[in-house]
Amino acid sequence: FGDEERHGIYRDISREHPESASSWYKERYLDIEVISVWMDNV
């Protein structure tokens, strides 16, 4: 961050699945569950 004061960062993770769904009327997504987040080992 240099000398700038910030509260932290953000991360966007796509839930879009690279493979098409089996039917035209369905959408396929990845299920993502965050387990833990650390900064400087805390």
ModelCIF file with pLDDT and N, C-alpha, C, O atoms, coordinates in Angstrom:
data_MODEL
#
_entry.id   MODEL 
#
_entity.id                         1 
_entity.type                       polymer 
_entity.pdbx_number_of_molecules   1 
#
_entity_poly.entity_id                      1 
_entity_poly.type                           'polypeptide(L)' 
_entity_poly.nstd_linkage                   no 
_entity_poly.nstd_monomer                   no 
_entity_poly.pdbx_seq_one_letter_code       FGDEERHGIYRDISREHPESASSWYKERYLDIEVISVWMDNV 
_entity_poly.pdbx_seq_one_letter_code_can   FGDEERHGIYRDISREHPESASSWYKERYLDIEVISVWMDNV 
_entity_poly.pdbx_strand_id                 A 
#
loop_
_entity_poly_seq.entity_id 
_entity_poly_seq.num 
_entity_poly_seq.mon_id 
_entity_poly_seq.hetero 
1 1  PHE n 
1 2  GLY n 
1 3  ASP n 
1 4  GLU n 
1 5  GLU n 
1 6  ARG n 
1 7  HIS n 
1 8  GLY n 
1 9  ILE n 
1 10 TYR n 
1 11 ARG n 
1 12 ASP n 
1 13 ILE n 
1 14 SER n 
1 15 ARG n 
1 16 GLU n 
1 17 HIS n 
1 18 PRO n 
1 19 GLU n 
1 20 SER n 
1 21 ALA n 
1 22 SER n 
1 23 SER n 
1 24 TRP n 
1 25 TYR n 
1 26 LYS n 
1 27 GLU n 
1 28 ARG n 
1 29 TYR n 
1 30 LEU n 
1 31 ASP n 
1 32 ILE n 
1 33 GLU n 
1 34 VAL n 
1 35 ILE n 
1 36 SER n 
1 37 VAL n 
1 38 TRP n 
1 39 MET n 
1 40 ASP n 
1 41 ASN n 
1 42 VAL n 
#
_struct_asym.id          A 
_struct_asym.entity_id   1 
#
loop_
_ma_qa_metric.id 
_ma_qa_metric.mode 
_ma_qa_metric.name 
_ma_qa_metric.software_group_id 
_ma_qa_metric.type 
1 global pLDDT . pLDDT 
2 local  pLDDT . pLDDT 
#
_ma_qa_metric_global.metric_id      1 
_ma_qa_metric_global.metric_value   83.55 
_ma_qa_metric_global.model_id       1 
_ma_qa_metric_global.ordinal_id     1 
#
loop_
_ma_qa_metric_local.label_asym_id 
_ma_qa_metric_local.label_comp_id 
_ma_qa_metric_local.label_seq_id 
_ma_qa_metric_local.metric_id 
_ma_qa_metric_local.metric_value 
_ma_qa_metric_local.model_id 
_ma_qa_metric_local.ordinal_id 
A PHE 1  2 96.00 1 1  
A GLY 2  2 96.00 1 2  
A ASP 3  2 97.00 1 3  
A GLU 4  2 95.00 1 4  
A GLU 5  2 96.00 1 5  
A ARG 6  2 95.00 1 6  
A HIS 7  2 95.00 1 7  
A GLY 8  2 95.00 1 8  
A ILE 9  2 96.00 1 9  
A TYR 10 2 94.00 1 10 
A ARG 11 2 94.00 1 11 
A ASP 12 2 93.00 1 12 
A ILE 13 2 92.00 1 13 
A SER 14 2 88.00 1 14 
A ARG 15 2 85.00 1 15 
A GLU 16 2 79.00 1 16 
A HIS 17 2 67.00 1 17 
A PRO 18 2 64.00 1 18 
A GLU 19 2 62.00 1 19 
A SER 20 2 63.00 1 20 
A ALA 21 2 55.00 1 21 
A SER 22 2 57.00 1 22 
A SER 23 2 54.00 1 23 
A TRP 24 2 52.00 1 24 
A TYR 25 2 49.00 1 25 
A LYS 26 2 56.00 1 26 
A GLU 27 2 62.00 1 27 
A ARG 28 2 62.00 1 28 
A TYR 29 2 77.00 1 29 
A LEU 30 2 86.00 1 30 
A ASP 31 2 91.00 1 31 
A ILE 32 2 94.00 1 32 
A GLU 33 2 96.00 1 33 
A VAL 34 2 98.00 1 34 
A ILE 35 2 97.00 1 35 
A SER 36 2 98.00 1 36 
A VAL 37 2 98.00 1 37 
A TRP 38 2 98.00 1 38 
A MET 39 2 97.00 1 39 
A ASP 40 2 97.00 1 40 
A ASN 41 2 97.00 1 41 
A VAL 42 2 96.00 1 42 
#
loop_
_atom_site.group_PDB 
_atom_site.id 
_atom_site.type_symbol 
_atom_site.label_atom_id 
_atom_site.label_alt_id 
_atom_site.label_comp_id 
_atom_site.label_asym_id 
_atom_site.label_entity_id 
_atom_site.label_seq_id 
_atom_site.pdbx_PDB_ins_code 
_atom_site.Cartn_x 
_atom_site.Cartn_y 
_atom_site.Cartn_z 
_atom_site.occupancy 
_atom_site.B_iso_or_equiv 
_atom_site.pdbx_formal_charge 
_atom_site.auth_seq_id 
_atom_site.auth_comp_id 
_atom_site.auth_asym_id 
_atom_site.auth_atom_id 
_atom_site.pdbx_PDB_model_num 
ATOM 1   N N  . PHE A 1 1  ? 0.816   -1.208  0.000   1.00 96.00 ? 1  PHE A N  1 
ATOM 2   C CA . PHE A 1 1  ? 0.000   0.000   0.000   1.00 96.00 ? 1  PHE A CA 1 
ATOM 3   C C  . PHE A 1 1  ? 0.851   1.260   0.000   1.00 96.00 ? 1  PHE A C  1 
ATOM 4   O O  . PHE A 1 1  ? 0.335   2.363   -0.179  1.00 96.00 ? 1  PHE A O  1 
ATOM 5   N N  . GLY A 1 2  ? 2.169   1.097   0.203   1.00 96.00 ? 2  GLY A N  1 
ATOM 6   C CA . GLY A 1 2  ? 3.037   2.269   0.322   1.00 96.00 ? 2  GLY A CA 1 
ATOM 7   C C  . GLY A 1 2  ? 2.649   3.070   1.555   1.00 96.00 ? 2  GLY A C  1 
ATOM 8   O O  . GLY A 1 2  ? 2.389   2.494   2.611   1.00 96.00 ? 2  GLY A O  1 
ATOM 9   N N  . ASP A 1 3  ? 2.608   4.386   1.433   1.00 97.00 ? 3  ASP A N  1 
ATOM 10  C CA . ASP A 1 3  ? 2.246   5.257   2.565   1.00 97.00 ? 3  ASP A CA 1 
ATOM 11  C C  . ASP A 1 3  ? 0.746   5.480   2.689   1.00 97.00 ? 3  ASP A C  1 
ATOM 12  O O  . ASP A 1 3  ? 0.284   6.094   3.651   1.00 97.00 ? 3  ASP A O  1 
ATOM 13  N N  . GLU A 1 4  ? -0.024  4.978   1.709   1.00 95.00 ? 4  GLU A N  1 
ATOM 14  C CA . GLU A 1 4  ? -1.477  5.170   1.746   1.00 95.00 ? 4  GLU A CA 1 
ATOM 15  C C  . GLU A 1 4  ? -2.103  4.284   2.828   1.00 95.00 ? 4  GLU A C  1 
ATOM 16  O O  . GLU A 1 4  ? -1.704  3.134   3.008   1.00 95.00 ? 4  GLU A O  1 
ATOM 17  N N  . GLU A 1 5  ? -3.076  4.829   3.535   1.00 96.00 ? 5  GLU A N  1 
ATOM 18  C CA . GLU A 1 5  ? -3.798  4.054   4.540   1.00 96.00 ? 5  GLU A CA 1 
ATOM 19  C C  . GLU A 1 5  ? -5.044  3.451   3.903   1.00 96.00 ? 5  GLU A C  1 
ATOM 20  O O  . GLU A 1 5  ? -5.850  4.153   3.292   1.00 96.00 ? 5  GLU A O  1 
ATOM 21  N N  . ARG A 1 6  ? -5.183  2.155   4.056   1.00 95.00 ? 6  ARG A N  1 
ATOM 22  C CA . ARG A 1 6  ? -6.327  1.414   3.512   1.00 95.00 ? 6  ARG A CA 1 
ATOM 23  C C  . ARG A 1 6  ? -6.846  0.465   4.583   1.00 95.00 ? 6  ARG A C  1 
ATOM 24  O O  . ARG A 1 6  ? -6.185  0.219   5.593   1.00 95.00 ? 6  ARG A O  1 
ATOM 25  N N  . HIS A 1 7  ? -8.037  -0.060  4.343   1.00 95.00 ? 7  HIS A N  1 
ATOM 26  C CA . HIS A 1 7  ? -8.608  -1.032  5.277   1.00 95.00 ? 7  HIS A CA 1 
ATOM 27  C C  . HIS A 1 7  ? -8.241  -2.458  4.898   1.00 95.00 ? 7  HIS A C  1 
ATOM 28  O O  . HIS A 1 7  ? -8.367  -3.360  5.727   1.00 95.00 ? 7  HIS A O  1 
ATOM 29  N N  . GLY A 1 8  ? -7.796  -2.685  3.682   1.00 95.00 ? 8  GLY A N  1 
ATOM 30  C CA . GLY A 1 8  ? -7.448  -4.016  3.228   1.00 95.00 ? 8  GLY A CA 1 
ATOM 31  C C  . GLY A 1 8  ? -7.611  -4.128  1.726   1.00 95.00 ? 8  GLY A C  1 
ATOM 32  O O  . GLY A 1 8  ? -7.503  -3.141  0.999   1.00 95.00 ? 8  GLY A O  1 
ATOM 33  N N  . ILE A 1 9  ? -7.873  -5.338  1.271   1.00 96.00 ? 9  ILE A N  1 
ATOM 34  C CA . ILE A 1 9  ? -8.026  -5.592  -0.163  1.00 96.00 ? 9  ILE A CA 1 
ATOM 35  C C  . ILE A 1 9  ? -9.345  -6.309  -0.406  1.00 96.00 ? 9  ILE A C  1 
ATOM 36  O O  . ILE A 1 9  ? -10.040 -6.698  0.532   1.00 96.00 ? 9  ILE A O  1 
ATOM 37  N N  . TYR A 1 10 ? -9.672  -6.474  -1.668  1.00 94.00 ? 10 TYR A N  1 
ATOM 38  C CA . TYR A 1 10 ? -10.796 -7.325  -2.033  1.00 94.00 ? 10 TYR A CA 1 
ATOM 39  C C  . TYR A 1 10 ? -10.334 -8.313  -3.089  1.00 94.00 ? 10 TYR A C  1 
ATOM 40  O O  . TYR A 1 10 ? -9.331  -8.093  -3.768  1.00 94.00 ? 10 TYR A O  1 
ATOM 41  N N  . ARG A 1 11 ? -11.076 -9.402  -3.219  1.00 94.00 ? 11 ARG A N  1 
ATOM 42  C CA . ARG A 1 11 ? -10.786 -10.417 -4.232  1.00 94.00 ? 11 ARG A CA 1 
ATOM 43  C C  . ARG A 1 11 ? -12.105 -10.866 -4.795  1.00 94.00 ? 11 ARG A C  1 
ATOM 44  O O  . ARG A 1 11 ? -13.014 -11.214 -4.042  1.00 94.00 ? 11 ARG A O  1 
ATOM 45  N N  . ASP A 1 12 ? -12.232 -10.867 -6.128  1.00 93.00 ? 12 ASP A N  1 
ATOM 46  C CA . ASP A 1 12 ? -13.417 -11.383 -6.810  1.00 93.00 ? 12 ASP A CA 1 
ATOM 47  C C  . ASP A 1 12 ? -13.063 -12.702 -7.464  1.00 93.00 ? 12 ASP A C  1 
ATOM 48  O O  . ASP A 1 12 ? -12.104 -12.784 -8.231  1.00 93.00 ? 12 ASP A O  1 
ATOM 49  N N  . ILE A 1 13 ? -13.842 -13.743 -7.162  1.00 92.00 ? 13 ILE A N  1 
ATOM 50  C CA . ILE A 1 13 ? -13.614 -15.074 -7.732  1.00 92.00 ? 13 ILE A CA 1 
ATOM 51  C C  . ILE A 1 13 ? -14.843 -15.428 -8.555  1.00 92.00 ? 13 ILE A C  1 
ATOM 52  O O  . ILE A 1 13 ? -15.967 -15.415 -8.053  1.00 92.00 ? 13 ILE A O  1 
ATOM 53  N N  . SER A 1 14 ? -14.616 -15.742 -9.819  1.00 88.00 ? 14 SER A N  1 
ATOM 54  C CA . SER A 1 14 ? -15.726 -16.069 -10.713 1.00 88.00 ? 14 SER A CA 1 
ATOM 55  C C  . SER A 1 14 ? -16.352 -17.406 -10.331 1.00 88.00 ? 14 SER A C  1 
ATOM 56  O O  . SER A 1 14 ? -15.650 -18.374 -10.037 1.00 88.00 ? 14 SER A O  1 
ATOM 57  N N  . ARG A 1 15 ? -17.669 -17.444 -10.341 1.00 85.00 ? 15 ARG A N  1 
ATOM 58  C CA . ARG A 1 15 ? -18.400 -18.693 -10.113 1.00 85.00 ? 15 ARG A CA 1 
ATOM 59  C C  . ARG A 1 15 ? -18.799 -19.341 -11.439 1.00 85.00 ? 15 ARG A C  1 
ATOM 60  O O  . ARG A 1 15 ? -19.428 -20.399 -11.448 1.00 85.00 ? 15 ARG A O  1 
ATOM 61  N N  . GLU A 1 16 ? -18.437 -18.713 -12.549 1.00 79.00 ? 16 GLU A N  1 
ATOM 62  C CA . GLU A 1 16 ? -18.798 -19.225 -13.870 1.00 79.00 ? 16 GLU A CA 1 
ATOM 63  C C  . GLU A 1 16 ? -18.046 -20.525 -14.141 1.00 79.00 ? 16 GLU A C  1 
ATOM 64  O O  . GLU A 1 16 ? -16.827 -20.589 -13.978 1.00 79.00 ? 16 GLU A O  1 
ATOM 65  N N  . HIS A 1 17 ? -18.764 -21.542 -14.550 1.00 67.00 ? 17 HIS A N  1 
ATOM 66  C CA . HIS A 1 17 ? -18.149 -22.838 -14.861 1.00 67.00 ? 17 HIS A CA 1 
ATOM 67  C C  . HIS A 1 17 ? -17.722 -22.852 -16.320 1.00 67.00 ? 17 HIS A C  1 
ATOM 68  O O  . HIS A 1 17 ? -18.480 -22.394 -17.175 1.00 67.00 ? 17 HIS A O  1 
ATOM 69  N N  . PRO A 1 18 ? -16.517 -23.368 -16.640 1.00 64.00 ? 18 PRO A N  1 
ATOM 70  C CA . PRO A 1 18 ? -16.055 -23.359 -18.026 1.00 64.00 ? 18 PRO A CA 1 
ATOM 71  C C  . PRO A 1 18 ? -16.796 -24.331 -18.940 1.00 64.00 ? 18 PRO A C  1 
ATOM 72  O O  . PRO A 1 18 ? -16.648 -24.266 -20.160 1.00 64.00 ? 18 PRO A O  1 
ATOM 73  N N  . GLU A 1 19 ? -17.581 -25.221 -18.370 1.00 62.00 ? 19 GLU A N  1 
ATOM 74  C CA . GLU A 1 19 ? -18.297 -26.219 -19.154 1.00 62.00 ? 19 GLU A CA 1 
ATOM 75  C C  . GLU A 1 19 ? -19.784 -25.867 -19.161 1.00 62.00 ? 19 GLU A C  1 
ATOM 76  O O  . GLU A 1 19 ? -20.331 -25.472 -18.131 1.00 62.00 ? 19 GLU A O  1 
ATOM 77  N N  . SER A 1 20 ? -20.434 -26.006 -20.305 1.00 63.00 ? 20 SER A N  1 
ATOM 78  C CA . SER A 1 20 ? -21.861 -25.683 -20.417 1.00 63.00 ? 20 SER A CA 1 
ATOM 79  C C  . SER A 1 20 ? -22.708 -26.655 -19.618 1.00 63.00 ? 20 SER A C  1 
ATOM 80  O O  . SER A 1 20 ? -22.304 -27.790 -19.367 1.00 63.00 ? 20 SER A O  1 
ATOM 81  N N  . ALA A 1 21 ? -23.887 -26.198 -19.221 1.00 55.00 ? 21 ALA A N  1 
ATOM 82  C CA . ALA A 1 21 ? -24.845 -27.051 -18.531 1.00 55.00 ? 21 ALA A CA 1 
ATOM 83  C C  . ALA A 1 21 ? -25.400 -28.084 -19.500 1.00 55.00 ? 21 ALA A C  1 
ATOM 84  O O  . ALA A 1 21 ? -25.291 -27.929 -20.717 1.00 55.00 ? 21 ALA A O  1 
ATOM 85  N N  . SER A 1 22 ? -25.997 -29.140 -18.952 1.00 57.00 ? 22 SER A N  1 
ATOM 86  C CA . SER A 1 22 ? -26.511 -30.224 -19.790 1.00 57.00 ? 22 SER A CA 1 
ATOM 87  C C  . SER A 1 22 ? -27.796 -29.858 -20.524 1.00 57.00 ? 22 SER A C  1 
ATOM 88  O O  . SER A 1 22 ? -28.161 -30.538 -21.483 1.00 57.00 ? 22 SER A O  1 
ATOM 89  N N  . SER A 1 23 ? -28.487 -28.811 -20.107 1.00 54.00 ? 23 SER A N  1 
ATOM 90  C CA . SER A 1 23 ? -29.725 -28.375 -20.756 1.00 54.00 ? 23 SER A CA 1 
ATOM 91  C C  . SER A 1 23 ? -29.670 -26.874 -21.022 1.00 54.00 ? 23 SER A C  1 
ATOM 92  O O  . SER A 1 23 ? -29.053 -26.127 -20.263 1.00 54.00 ? 23 SER A O  1 
ATOM 93  N N  . TRP A 1 24 ? -30.310 -26.441 -22.088 1.00 52.00 ? 24 TRP A N  1 
ATOM 94  C CA . TRP A 1 24 ? -30.258 -25.040 -22.485 1.00 52.00 ? 24 TRP A CA 1 
ATOM 95  C C  . TRP A 1 24 ? -30.864 -24.101 -21.450 1.00 52.00 ? 24 TRP A C  1 
ATOM 96  O O  . TRP A 1 24 ? -30.485 -22.932 -21.384 1.00 52.00 ? 24 TRP A O  1 
ATOM 97  N N  . TYR A 1 25 ? -31.790 -24.590 -20.649 1.00 49.00 ? 25 TYR A N  1 
ATOM 98  C CA . TYR A 1 25 ? -32.480 -23.736 -19.682 1.00 49.00 ? 25 TYR A CA 1 
ATOM 99  C C  . TYR A 1 25 ? -31.805 -23.722 -18.302 1.00 49.00 ? 25 TYR A C  1 
ATOM 100 O O  . TYR A 1 25 ? -32.305 -23.088 -17.373 1.00 49.00 ? 25 TYR A O  1 
ATOM 101 N N  . LYS A 1 26 ? -30.693 -24.408 -18.175 1.00 56.00 ? 26 LYS A N  1 
ATOM 102 C CA . LYS A 1 26 ? -29.969 -24.428 -16.904 1.00 56.00 ? 26 LYS A CA 1 
ATOM 103 C C  . LYS A 1 26 ? -28.693 -23.610 -17.022 1.00 56.00 ? 26 LYS A C  1 
ATOM 104 O O  . LYS A 1 26 ? -28.148 -23.426 -18.110 1.00 56.00 ? 26 LYS A O  1 
ATOM 105 N N  . GLU A 1 27 ? -28.234 -23.128 -15.885 1.00 62.00 ? 27 GLU A N  1 
ATOM 106 C CA . GLU A 1 27 ? -26.935 -22.475 -15.833 1.00 62.00 ? 27 GLU A CA 1 
ATOM 107 C C  . GLU A 1 27 ? -26.060 -23.290 -14.895 1.00 62.00 ? 27 GLU A C  1 
ATOM 108 O O  . GLU A 1 27 ? -26.552 -23.905 -13.949 1.00 62.00 ? 27 GLU A O  1 
ATOM 109 N N  . ARG A 1 28 ? -24.759 -23.288 -15.163 1.00 62.00 ? 28 ARG A N  1 
ATOM 110 C CA . ARG A 1 28 ? -23.848 -24.075 -14.352 1.00 62.00 ? 28 ARG A CA 1 
ATOM 111 C C  . ARG A 1 28 ? -22.878 -23.128 -13.644 1.00 62.00 ? 28 ARG A C  1 
ATOM 112 O O  . ARG A 1 28 ? -22.234 -22.293 -14.280 1.00 62.00 ? 28 ARG A O  1 
ATOM 113 N N  . TYR A 1 29 ? -22.784 -23.269 -12.327 1.00 77.00 ? 29 TYR A N  1 
ATOM 114 C CA . TYR A 1 29 ? -21.908 -22.423 -11.529 1.00 77.00 ? 29 TYR A CA 1 
ATOM 115 C C  . TYR A 1 29 ? -21.053 -23.269 -10.604 1.00 77.00 ? 29 TYR A C  1 
ATOM 116 O O  . TYR A 1 29 ? -21.399 -24.401 -10.267 1.00 77.00 ? 29 TYR A O  1 
ATOM 117 N N  . LEU A 1 30 ? -19.945 -22.702 -10.208 1.00 86.00 ? 30 LEU A N  1 
ATOM 118 C CA . LEU A 1 30 ? -19.096 -23.324 -9.207  1.00 86.00 ? 30 LEU A CA 1 
ATOM 119 C C  . LEU A 1 30 ? -19.593 -22.911 -7.826  1.00 86.00 ? 30 LEU A C  1 
ATOM 120 O O  . LEU A 1 30 ? -20.015 -21.773 -7.622  1.00 86.00 ? 30 LEU A O  1 
ATOM 121 N N  . ASP A 1 31 ? -19.540 -23.837 -6.890  1.00 91.00 ? 31 ASP A N  1 
ATOM 122 C CA . ASP A 1 31 ? -19.881 -23.541 -5.506  1.00 91.00 ? 31 ASP A CA 1 
ATOM 123 C C  . ASP A 1 31 ? -18.571 -23.240 -4.775  1.00 91.00 ? 31 ASP A C  1 
ATOM 124 O O  . ASP A 1 31 ? -17.692 -24.098 -4.704  1.00 91.00 ? 31 ASP A O  1 
ATOM 125 N N  . ILE A 1 32 ? -18.437 -22.036 -4.237  1.00 94.00 ? 32 ILE A N  1 
ATOM 126 C CA . ILE A 1 32 ? -17.193 -21.612 -3.586  1.00 94.00 ? 32 ILE A CA 1 
ATOM 127 C C  . ILE A 1 32 ? -17.481 -21.276 -2.130  1.00 94.00 ? 32 ILE A C  1 
ATOM 128 O O  . ILE A 1 32 ? -18.358 -20.470 -1.818  1.00 94.00 ? 32 ILE A O  1 
ATOM 129 N N  . GLU A 1 33 ? -16.718 -21.918 -1.247  1.00 96.00 ? 33 GLU A N  1 
ATOM 130 C CA . GLU A 1 33 ? -16.865 -21.688 0.193   1.00 96.00 ? 33 GLU A CA 1 
ATOM 131 C C  . GLU A 1 33 ? -15.536 -21.194 0.754   1.00 96.00 ? 33 GLU A C  1 
ATOM 132 O O  . GLU A 1 33 ? -14.538 -21.913 0.716   1.00 96.00 ? 33 GLU A O  1 
ATOM 133 N N  . VAL A 1 34 ? -15.522 -19.983 1.268   1.00 98.00 ? 34 VAL A N  1 
ATOM 134 C CA . VAL A 1 34 ? -14.304 -19.436 1.871   1.00 98.00 ? 34 VAL A CA 1 
ATOM 135 C C  . VAL A 1 34 ? -14.069 -20.141 3.203   1.00 98.00 ? 34 VAL A C  1 
ATOM 136 O O  . VAL A 1 34 ? -14.965 -20.231 4.042   1.00 98.00 ? 34 VAL A O  1 
ATOM 137 N N  . ILE A 1 35 ? -12.844 -20.641 3.379   1.00 97.00 ? 35 ILE A N  1 
ATOM 138 C CA . ILE A 1 35 ? -12.483 -21.364 4.598   1.00 97.00 ? 35 ILE A CA 1 
ATOM 139 C C  . ILE A 1 35 ? -11.801 -20.431 5.599   1.00 97.00 ? 35 ILE A C  1 
ATOM 140 O O  . ILE A 1 35 ? -12.158 -20.414 6.777   1.00 97.00 ? 35 ILE A O  1 
ATOM 141 N N  . SER A 1 36 ? -10.817 -19.654 5.128   1.00 98.00 ? 36 SER A N  1 
ATOM 142 C CA . SER A 1 36 ? -10.112 -18.750 6.034   1.00 98.00 ? 36 SER A CA 1 
ATOM 143 C C  . SER A 1 36 ? -9.422  -17.642 5.248   1.00 98.00 ? 36 SER A C  1 
ATOM 144 O O  . SER A 1 36 ? -9.126  -17.792 4.063   1.00 98.00 ? 36 SER A O  1 
ATOM 145 N N  . VAL A 1 37 ? -9.170  -16.519 5.936   1.00 98.00 ? 37 VAL A N  1 
ATOM 146 C CA . VAL A 1 37 ? -8.460  -15.383 5.352   1.00 98.00 ? 37 VAL A CA 1 
ATOM 147 C C  . VAL A 1 37 ? -7.462  -14.889 6.394   1.00 98.00 ? 37 VAL A C  1 
ATOM 148 O O  . VAL A 1 37 ? -7.795  -14.705 7.565   1.00 98.00 ? 37 VAL A O  1 
ATOM 149 N N  . TRP A 1 38 ? -6.227  -14.681 5.935   1.00 98.00 ? 38 TRP A N  1 
ATOM 150 C CA . TRP A 1 38 ? -5.139  -14.277 6.821   1.00 98.00 ? 38 TRP A CA 1 
ATOM 151 C C  . TRP A 1 38 ? -4.413  -13.076 6.233   1.00 98.00 ? 38 TRP A C  1 
ATOM 152 O O  . TRP A 1 38 ? -4.345  -12.907 5.016   1.00 98.00 ? 38 TRP A O  1 
ATOM 153 N N  . MET A 1 39 ? -3.865  -12.235 7.130   1.00 97.00 ? 39 MET A N  1 
ATOM 154 C CA . MET A 1 39 ? -2.958  -11.168 6.726   1.00 97.00 ? 39 MET A CA 1 
ATOM 155 C C  . MET A 1 39 ? -1.735  -11.274 7.632   1.00 97.00 ? 39 MET A C  1 
ATOM 156 O O  . MET A 1 39 ? -1.848  -11.216 8.857   1.00 97.00 ? 39 MET A O  1 
ATOM 157 N N  . ASP A 1 40 ? -0.582  -11.430 7.021   1.00 97.00 ? 40 ASP A N  1 
ATOM 158 C CA . ASP A 1 40 ? 0.673   -11.535 7.775   1.00 97.00 ? 40 ASP A CA 1 
ATOM 159 C C  . ASP A 1 40 ? 0.594   -12.625 8.845   1.00 97.00 ? 40 ASP A C  1 
ATOM 160 O O  . ASP A 1 40 ? 1.007   -12.419 9.986   1.00 97.00 ? 40 ASP A O  1 
ATOM 161 N N  . ASN A 1 41 ? 0.058   -13.782 8.462   1.00 97.00 ? 41 ASN A N  1 
ATOM 162 C CA . ASN A 1 41 ? -0.051  -14.970 9.325   1.00 97.00 ? 41 ASN A CA 1 
ATOM 163 C C  . ASN A 1 41 ? -1.002  -14.819 10.505  1.00 97.00 ? 41 ASN A C  1 
ATOM 164 O O  . ASN A 1 41 ? -0.911  -15.577 11.470  1.00 97.00 ? 41 ASN A O  1 
ATOM 165 N N  . VAL A 1 42 ? -1.909  -13.856 10.443  1.00 96.00 ? 42 VAL A N  1 
ATOM 166 C CA . VAL A 1 42 ? -2.918  -13.668 11.484  1.00 96.00 ? 42 VAL A CA 1 
ATOM 167 C C  . VAL A 1 42 ? -4.283  -13.644 10.797  1.00 96.00 ? 42 VAL A C  1 
ATOM 168 O O  . VAL A 1 42 ? -5.307  -13.496 11.463  1.00 96.00 ? 42 VAL A O  1 
#
